[in-house]
Amino acid sequence: MIHMEVALESAQKRIGNVIRKKRLELGLSQEDLAEECEVHRTYIGSIERGERNISLLNILRVSKALKIKASELLSLAKL
């Protein structure tokens, strides 16, 4: 059970790192991305730090705002 929790936490960190990298490549602030995704800025920050388990709906919103397919976002995070 502990191994699965570690793997899930690692997945959250990996997707957060990819989101941060893509956001910065587009020159967007966390606030800009949050506004585009219709979520709070602190939510974006917590996703990027791997503290949140991002929902499917928000993966779709974020990937659209980052101008990439959700499948590409997940692939870049090795998920």
PDB file of N, CA and C in Angstrom:
ATOM      1  N   MET A   1       0.814  -1.188   0.000  1.00  0.00           N
ATOM      2  CA  MET A   1       0.000   0.000   0.000  1.00  0.00           C
ATOM      3  C   MET A   1       0.864   1.261   0.000  1.00  0.00           C
ATOM      4  N   ILE A   2       1.922   1.265   0.793  1.00  0.00           N
ATOM      5  CA  ILE A   2       2.800   2.424   0.867  1.00  0.00           C
ATOM      6  C   ILE A   2       3.456   2.679  -0.478  1.00  0.00           C
ATOM      7  N   HIS A   3       3.868   1.616  -1.174  1.00  0.00           N
ATOM      8  CA  HIS A   3       4.505   1.758  -2.485  1.00  0.00           C
ATOM      9  C   HIS A   3       3.568   2.473  -3.457  1.00  0.00           C
ATOM     10  N   MET A   4       2.288   2.133  -3.441  1.00  0.00           N
ATOM     11  CA  MET A   4       1.303   2.763  -4.323  1.00  0.00           C
ATOM     12  C   MET A   4       1.155   4.243  -3.993  1.00  0.00           C
ATOM     13  N   GLU A   5       1.141   4.606  -2.703  1.00  0.00           N
ATOM     14  CA  GLU A   5       1.033   6.004  -2.299  1.00  0.00           C
ATOM     15  C   GLU A   5       2.235   6.800  -2.795  1.00  0.00           C
ATOM     16  N   VAL A   6       3.423   6.222  -2.703  1.00  0.00           N
ATOM     17  CA  VAL A   6       4.642   6.887  -3.177  1.00  0.00           C
ATOM     18  C   VAL A   6       4.560   7.086  -4.685  1.00  0.00           C
ATOM     19  N   ALA A   7       4.093   6.085  -5.410  1.00  0.00           N
ATOM     20  CA  ALA A   7       3.980   6.183  -6.863  1.00  0.00           C
ATOM     21  C   ALA A   7       2.984   7.268  -7.259  1.00  0.00           C
ATOM     22  N   LEU A   8       1.877   7.360  -6.555  1.00  0.00           N
ATOM     23  CA  LEU A   8       0.880   8.383  -6.861  1.00  0.00           C
ATOM     24  C   LEU A   8       1.420   9.778  -6.553  1.00  0.00           C
ATOM     25  N   GLU A   9       2.131   9.911  -5.443  1.00  0.00           N
ATOM     26  CA  GLU A   9       2.730  11.196  -5.091  1.00  0.00           C
ATOM     27  C   GLU A   9       3.750  11.607  -6.143  1.00  0.00           C
ATOM     28  N   SER A  10       4.538  10.643  -6.615  1.00  0.00           N
ATOM     29  CA  SER A  10       5.516  10.907  -7.664  1.00  0.00           C
ATOM     30  C   SER A  10       4.814  11.355  -8.944  1.00  0.00           C
ATOM     31  N   ALA A  11       3.681  10.746  -9.255  1.00  0.00           N
ATOM     32  CA  ALA A  11       2.916  11.127 -10.449  1.00  0.00           C
ATOM     33  C   ALA A  11       2.432  12.561 -10.333  1.00  0.00           C
ATOM     34  N   GLN A  12       1.967  12.948  -9.154  1.00  0.00           N
ATOM     35  CA  GLN A  12       1.507  14.320  -8.939  1.00  0.00           C
ATOM     36  C   GLN A  12       2.655  15.304  -9.146  1.00  0.00           C
ATOM     37  N   LYS A  13       3.826  14.970  -8.647  1.00  0.00           N
ATOM     38  CA  LYS A  13       4.987  15.852  -8.804  1.00  0.00           C
ATOM     39  C   LYS A  13       5.414  15.944 -10.271  1.00  0.00           C
ATOM     40  N   ARG A  14       5.374  14.813 -10.974  1.00  0.00           N
ATOM     41  CA  ARG A  14       5.785  14.819 -12.387  1.00  0.00           C
ATOM     42  C   ARG A  14       4.844  15.664 -13.230  1.00  0.00           C
ATOM     43  N   ILE A  15       3.541  15.513 -13.035  1.00  0.00           N
ATOM     44  CA  ILE A  15       2.608  16.308 -13.845  1.00  0.00           C
ATOM     45  C   ILE A  15       2.722  17.788 -13.459  1.00  0.00           C
ATOM     46  N   GLY A  16       2.950  18.058 -12.187  1.00  0.00           N
ATOM     47  CA  GLY A  16       3.142  19.442 -11.753  1.00  0.00           C
ATOM     48  C   GLY A  16       4.364  20.077 -12.390  1.00  0.00           C
ATOM     49  N   ASN A  17       5.445  19.320 -12.473  1.00  0.00           N
ATOM     50  CA  ASN A  17       6.675  19.831 -13.103  1.00  0.00           C
ATOM     51  C   ASN A  17       6.460  20.124 -14.586  1.00  0.00           C
ATOM     52  N   VAL A  18       5.725  19.251 -15.265  1.00  0.00           N
ATOM     53  CA  VAL A  18       5.449  19.463 -16.692  1.00  0.00           C
ATOM     54  C   VAL A  18       4.576  20.708 -16.884  1.00  0.00           C
ATOM     55  N   ILE A  19       3.578  20.862 -16.044  1.00  0.00           N
ATOM     56  CA  ILE A  19       2.701  22.035 -16.145  1.00  0.00           C
ATOM     57  C   ILE A  19       3.504  23.316 -15.918  1.00  0.00           C
ATOM     58  N   ARG A  20       4.356  23.322 -14.906  1.00  0.00           N
ATOM     59  CA  ARG A  20       5.190  24.509 -14.634  1.00  0.00           C
ATOM     60  C   ARG A  20       6.091  24.819 -15.832  1.00  0.00           C
ATOM     61  N   LYS A  21       6.751  23.782 -16.363  1.00  0.00           N
ATOM     62  CA  LYS A  21       7.664  23.976 -17.497  1.00  0.00           C
ATOM     63  C   LYS A  21       6.915  24.554 -18.696  1.00  0.00           C
ATOM     64  N   LYS A  22       5.771  23.976 -19.031  1.00  0.00           N
ATOM     65  CA  LYS A  22       5.002  24.459 -20.187  1.00  0.00           C
ATOM     66  C   LYS A  22       4.478  25.869 -19.945  1.00  0.00           C
ATOM     67  N   ARG A  23       4.030  26.143 -18.727  1.00  0.00           N
ATOM     68  CA  ARG A  23       3.533  27.486 -18.394  1.00  0.00           C
ATOM     69  C   ARG A  23       4.629  28.526 -18.591  1.00  0.00           C
ATOM     70  N   LEU A  24       5.820  28.215 -18.098  1.00  0.00           N
ATOM     71  CA  LEU A  24       6.936  29.147 -18.232  1.00  0.00           C
ATOM     72  C   LEU A  24       7.366  29.319 -19.686  1.00  0.00           C
ATOM     73  N   GLU A  25       7.321  28.231 -20.464  1.00  0.00           N
ATOM     74  CA  GLU A  25       7.656  28.314 -21.888  1.00  0.00           C
ATOM     75  C   GLU A  25       6.713  29.272 -22.615  1.00  0.00           C
ATOM     76  N   LEU A  26       5.459  29.322 -22.171  1.00  0.00           N
ATOM     77  CA  LEU A  26       4.480  30.228 -22.787  1.00  0.00           C
ATOM     78  C   LEU A  26       4.520  31.631 -22.192  1.00  0.00           C
ATOM     79  N   GLY A  27       5.358  31.826 -21.178  1.00  0.00           N
ATOM     80  CA  GLY A  27       5.473  33.134 -20.545  1.00  0.00           C
ATOM     81  C   GLY A  27       4.263  33.504 -19.705  1.00  0.00           C
ATOM     82  N   LEU A  28       3.581  32.501 -19.175  1.00  0.00           N
ATOM     83  CA  LEU A  28       2.393  32.744 -18.360  1.00  0.00           C
ATOM     84  C   LEU A  28       2.750  32.718 -16.877  1.00  0.00           C
ATOM     85  N   SER A  29       2.110  33.592 -16.118  1.00  0.00           N
ATOM     86  CA  SER A  29       2.227  33.525 -14.665  1.00  0.00           C
ATOM     87  C   SER A  29       1.236  32.477 -14.161  1.00  0.00           C
ATOM     88  N   GLN A  30       1.387  32.097 -12.911  1.00  0.00           N
ATOM     89  CA  GLN A  30       0.400  31.185 -12.323  1.00  0.00           C
ATOM     90  C   GLN A  30      -0.983  31.830 -12.358  1.00  0.00           C
ATOM     91  N   GLU A  31      -1.028  33.111 -12.131  1.00  0.00           N
ATOM     92  CA  GLU A  31      -2.302  33.835 -12.152  1.00  0.00           C
ATOM     93  C   GLU A  31      -2.923  33.806 -13.549  1.00  0.00           C
ATOM     94  N   ASP A  32      -2.110  34.004 -14.579  1.00  0.00           N
ATOM     95  CA  ASP A  32      -2.611  33.948 -15.968  1.00  0.00           C
ATOM     96  C   ASP A  32      -3.199  32.566 -16.269  1.00  0.00           C
ATOM     97  N   LEU A  33      -2.459  31.528 -15.903  1.00  0.00           N
ATOM     98  CA  LEU A  33      -2.920  30.167 -16.167  1.00  0.00           C
ATOM     99  C   LEU A  33      -4.195  29.873 -15.382  1.00  0.00           C
ATOM    100  N   ALA A  34      -4.220  30.290 -14.130  1.00  0.00           N
ATOM    101  CA  ALA A  34      -5.398  30.063 -13.298  1.00  0.00           C
ATOM    102  C   ALA A  34      -6.633  30.735 -13.896  1.00  0.00           C
ATOM    103  N   GLU A  35      -6.460  31.952 -14.353  1.00  0.00           N
ATOM    104  CA  GLU A  35      -7.579  32.683 -14.960  1.00  0.00           C
ATOM    105  C   GLU A  35      -8.085  31.959 -16.200  1.00  0.00           C
ATOM    106  N   GLU A  36      -7.173  31.506 -17.023  1.00  0.00           N
ATOM    107  CA  GLU A  36      -7.536  30.776 -18.244  1.00  0.00           C
ATOM    108  C   GLU A  36      -8.276  29.476 -17.922  1.00  0.00           C
ATOM    109  N   CYS A  37      -7.890  28.836 -16.815  1.00  0.00           N
ATOM    110  CA  CYS A  37      -8.483  27.554 -16.419  1.00  0.00           C
ATOM    111  C   CYS A  37      -9.698  27.711 -15.503  1.00  0.00           C
ATOM    112  N   GLU A  38      -9.969  28.944 -15.113  1.00  0.00           N
ATOM    113  CA  GLU A  38     -11.086  29.249 -14.199  1.00  0.00           C
ATOM    114  C   GLU A  38     -10.919  28.561 -12.848  1.00  0.00           C
ATOM    115  N   VAL A  39      -9.689  28.620 -12.327  1.00  0.00           N
ATOM    116  CA  VAL A  39      -9.390  28.113 -10.986  1.00  0.00           C
ATOM    117  C   VAL A  39      -8.601  29.192 -10.246  1.00  0.00           C
ATOM    118  N   HIS A  40      -8.399  29.006  -8.960  1.00  0.00           N
ATOM    119  CA  HIS A  40      -7.651  29.977  -8.162  1.00  0.00           C
ATOM    120  C   HIS A  40      -6.151  29.797  -8.387  1.00  0.00           C
ATOM    121  N   ARG A  41      -5.423  30.891  -8.290  1.00  0.00           N
ATOM    122  CA  ARG A  41      -3.973  30.867  -8.489  1.00  0.00           C
ATOM    123  C   ARG A  41      -3.286  29.897  -7.530  1.00  0.00           C
ATOM    124  N   THR A  42      -3.744  29.842  -6.299  1.00  0.00           N
ATOM    125  CA  THR A  42      -3.107  28.949  -5.334  1.00  0.00           C
ATOM    126  C   THR A  42      -3.304  27.488  -5.713  1.00  0.00           C
ATOM    127  N   TYR A  43      -4.383  27.190  -6.432  1.00  0.00           N
ATOM    128  CA  TYR A  43      -4.619  25.820  -6.902  1.00  0.00           C
ATOM    129  C   TYR A  43      -3.547  25.430  -7.920  1.00  0.00           C
ATOM    130  N   ILE A  44      -3.242  26.344  -8.839  1.00  0.00           N
ATOM    131  CA  ILE A  44      -2.187  26.081  -9.836  1.00  0.00           C
ATOM    132  C   ILE A  44      -0.855  25.851  -9.129  1.00  0.00           C
ATOM    133  N   GLY A  45      -0.537  26.687  -8.148  1.00  0.00           N
ATOM    134  CA  GLY A  45       0.709  26.536  -7.400  1.00  0.00           C
ATOM    135  C   GLY A  45       0.793  25.190  -6.703  1.00  0.00           C
ATOM    136  N   SER A  46      -0.310  24.764  -6.108  1.00  0.00           N
ATOM    137  CA  SER A  46      -0.286  23.482  -5.394  1.00  0.00           C
ATOM    138  C   SER A  46      -0.187  22.301  -6.361  1.00  0.00           C
ATOM    139  N   ILE A  47      -0.749  22.441  -7.564  1.00  0.00           N
ATOM    140  CA  ILE A  47      -0.584  21.399  -8.589  1.00  0.00           C
ATOM    141  C   ILE A  47       0.881  21.327  -9.003  1.00  0.00           C
ATOM    142  N   GLU A  48       1.472  22.481  -9.276  1.00  0.00           N
ATOM    143  CA  GLU A  48       2.860  22.519  -9.727  1.00  0.00           C
ATOM    144  C   GLU A  48       3.825  21.961  -8.681  1.00  0.00           C
ATOM    145  N   ARG A  49       3.492  22.098  -7.414  1.00  0.00           N
ATOM    146  CA  ARG A  49       4.343  21.556  -6.346  1.00  0.00           C
ATOM    147  C   ARG A  49       4.048  20.088  -6.063  1.00  0.00           C
ATOM    148  N   GLY A  50       3.071  19.520  -6.749  1.00  0.00           N
ATOM    149  CA  GLY A  50       2.721  18.117  -6.549  1.00  0.00           C
ATOM    150  C   GLY A  50       1.927  17.866  -5.295  1.00  0.00           C
ATOM    151  N   GLU A  51       1.282  18.895  -4.769  1.00  0.00           N
ATOM    152  CA  GLU A  51       0.517  18.771  -3.532  1.00  0.00           C
ATOM    153  C   GLU A  51      -0.940  18.382  -3.781  1.00  0.00           C
ATOM    154  N   ARG A  52      -1.399  18.523  -5.002  1.00  0.00           N
ATOM    155  CA  ARG A  52      -2.801  18.253  -5.324  1.00  0.00           C
ATOM    156  C   ARG A  52      -2.917  17.113  -6.317  1.00  0.00           C
ATOM    157  N   ASN A  53      -3.993  16.387  -6.194  1.00  0.00           N
ATOM    158  CA  ASN A  53      -4.339  15.363  -7.165  1.00  0.00           C
ATOM    159  C   ASN A  53      -5.282  16.019  -8.172  1.00  0.00           C
ATOM    160  N   ILE A  54      -4.750  16.449  -9.278  1.00  0.00           N
ATOM    161  CA  ILE A  54      -5.513  17.197 -10.277  1.00  0.00           C
ATOM    162  C   ILE A  54      -6.575  16.295 -10.917  1.00  0.00           C
ATOM    163  N   SER A  55      -7.772  16.817 -11.031  1.00  0.00           N
ATOM    164  CA  SER A  55      -8.880  16.044 -11.606  1.00  0.00           C
ATOM    165  C   SER A  55      -8.775  15.998 -13.132  1.00  0.00           C
ATOM    166  N   LEU A  56      -9.500  15.075 -13.716  1.00  0.00           N
ATOM    167  CA  LEU A  56      -9.523  14.949 -15.168  1.00  0.00           C
ATOM    168  C   LEU A  56     -10.002  16.248 -15.811  1.00  0.00           C
ATOM    169  N   LEU A  57     -11.056  16.833 -15.271  1.00  0.00           N
ATOM    170  CA  LEU A  57     -11.583  18.087 -15.817  1.00  0.00           C
ATOM    171  C   LEU A  57     -10.509  19.169 -15.815  1.00  0.00           C
ATOM    172  N   ASN A  58      -9.765  19.259 -14.725  1.00  0.00           N
ATOM    173  CA  ASN A  58      -8.723  20.285 -14.653  1.00  0.00           C
ATOM    174  C   ASN A  58      -7.511  19.944 -15.511  1.00  0.00           C
ATOM    175  N   ILE A  59      -7.227  18.670 -15.724  1.00  0.00           N
ATOM    176  CA  ILE A  59      -6.178  18.294 -16.678  1.00  0.00           C
ATOM    177  C   ILE A  59      -6.572  18.795 -18.067  1.00  0.00           C
ATOM    178  N   LEU A  60      -7.835  18.629 -18.424  1.00  0.00           N
ATOM    179  CA  LEU A  60      -8.314  19.094 -19.729  1.00  0.00           C
ATOM    180  C   LEU A  60      -8.238  20.617 -19.830  1.00  0.00           C
ATOM    181  N   ARG A  61      -8.633  21.310 -18.781  1.00  0.00           N
ATOM    182  CA  ARG A  61      -8.569  22.783 -18.770  1.00  0.00           C
ATOM    183  C   ARG A  61      -7.127  23.280 -18.892  1.00  0.00           C
ATOM    184  N   VAL A  62      -6.251  22.688 -18.103  1.00  0.00           N
ATOM    185  CA  VAL A  62      -4.846  23.114 -18.098  1.00  0.00           C
ATOM    186  C   VAL A  62      -4.193  22.819 -19.440  1.00  0.00           C
ATOM    187  N   SER A  63      -4.413  21.627 -19.967  1.00  0.00           N
ATOM    188  CA  SER A  63      -3.783  21.297 -21.251  1.00  0.00           C
ATOM    189  C   SER A  63      -4.275  22.226 -22.357  1.00  0.00           C
ATOM    190  N   LYS A  64      -5.562  22.566 -22.347  1.00  0.00           N
ATOM    191  CA  LYS A  64      -6.091  23.502 -23.342  1.00  0.00           C
ATOM    192  C   LYS A  64      -5.412  24.868 -23.196  1.00  0.00           C
ATOM    193  N   ALA A  65      -5.276  25.337 -21.963  1.00  0.00           N
ATOM    194  CA  ALA A  65      -4.635  26.631 -21.717  1.00  0.00           C
ATOM    195  C   ALA A  65      -3.157  26.615 -22.113  1.00  0.00           C
ATOM    196  N   LEU A  66      -2.529  25.448 -21.991  1.00  0.00           N
ATOM    197  CA  LEU A  66      -1.113  25.314 -22.356  1.00  0.00           C
ATOM    198  C   LEU A  66      -0.922  24.967 -23.828  1.00  0.00           C
ATOM    199  N   LYS A  67      -2.042  24.859 -24.546  1.00  0.00           N
ATOM    200  CA  LYS A  67      -2.031  24.613 -25.989  1.00  0.00           C
ATOM    201  C   LYS A  67      -1.392  23.269 -26.362  1.00  0.00           C
ATOM    202  N   ILE A  68      -1.661  22.263 -25.525  1.00  0.00           N
ATOM    203  CA  ILE A  68      -1.230  20.903 -25.829  1.00  0.00           C
ATOM    204  C   ILE A  68      -2.383  19.951 -25.531  1.00  0.00           C
ATOM    205  N   LYS A  69      -2.326  18.773 -26.116  1.00  0.00           N
ATOM    206  CA  LYS A  69      -3.344  17.761 -25.841  1.00  0.00           C
ATOM    207  C   LYS A  69      -3.132  17.205 -24.440  1.00  0.00           C
ATOM    208  N   ALA A  70      -4.221  16.819 -23.809  1.00  0.00           N
ATOM    209  CA  ALA A  70      -4.133  16.208 -22.484  1.00  0.00           C
ATOM    210  C   ALA A  70      -3.243  14.967 -22.536  1.00  0.00           C
ATOM    211  N   SER A  71      -3.350  14.208 -23.617  1.00  0.00           N
ATOM    212  CA  SER A  71      -2.531  13.000 -23.754  1.00  0.00           C
ATOM    213  C   SER A  71      -1.045  13.353 -23.805  1.00  0.00           C
ATOM    214  N   GLU A  72      -0.706  14.473 -24.429  1.00  0.00           N
ATOM    215  CA  GLU A  72       0.692  14.899 -24.479  1.00  0.00           C
ATOM    216  C   GLU A  72       1.174  15.325 -23.090  1.00  0.00           C
ATOM    217  N   LEU A  73       0.314  16.030 -22.371  1.00  0.00           N
ATOM    218  CA  LEU A  73       0.651  16.448 -21.014  1.00  0.00           C
ATOM    219  C   LEU A  73       0.958  15.222 -20.145  1.00  0.00           C
ATOM    220  N   LEU A  74       0.104  14.224 -20.219  1.00  0.00           N
ATOM    221  CA  LEU A  74       0.316  12.992 -19.449  1.00  0.00           C
ATOM    222  C   LEU A  74       1.542  12.232 -19.924  1.00  0.00           C
ATOM    223  N   SER A  75       1.758  12.222 -21.221  1.00  0.00           N
ATOM    224  CA  SER A  75       2.928  11.534 -21.773  1.00  0.00           C
ATOM    225  C   SER A  75       4.229  12.197 -21.315  1.00  0.00           C
ATOM    226  N   LEU A  76       4.256  13.520 -21.336  1.00  0.00           N
ATOM    227  CA  LEU A  76       5.444  14.244 -20.891  1.00  0.00           C
ATOM    228  C   LEU A  76       5.738  13.972 -19.420  1.00  0.00           C
ATOM    229  N   ALA A  77       4.676  13.719 -18.642  1.00  0.00           N
ATOM    230  CA  ALA A  77       4.830  13.401 -17.233  1.00  0.00           C
ATOM    231  C   ALA A  77       5.106  11.912 -17.006  1.00  0.00           C
ATOM    232  N   LYS A  78       5.206  11.165 -18.123  1.00  0.00           N
ATOM    233  CA  LYS A  78       5.442   9.725 -18.088  1.00  0.00           C
ATOM    234  C   LYS A  78       4.348   8.996 -17.307  1.00  0.00           C
ATOM    235  N   LEU A  79       3.091   9.382 -17.612  1.00  0.00           N
ATOM    236  CA  LEU A  79       1.927   8.753 -16.962  1.00  0.00           C
ATOM    237  C   LEU A  79       1.114   7.998 -17.991  1.00  0.00           C
TER     238      LEU A  79
END
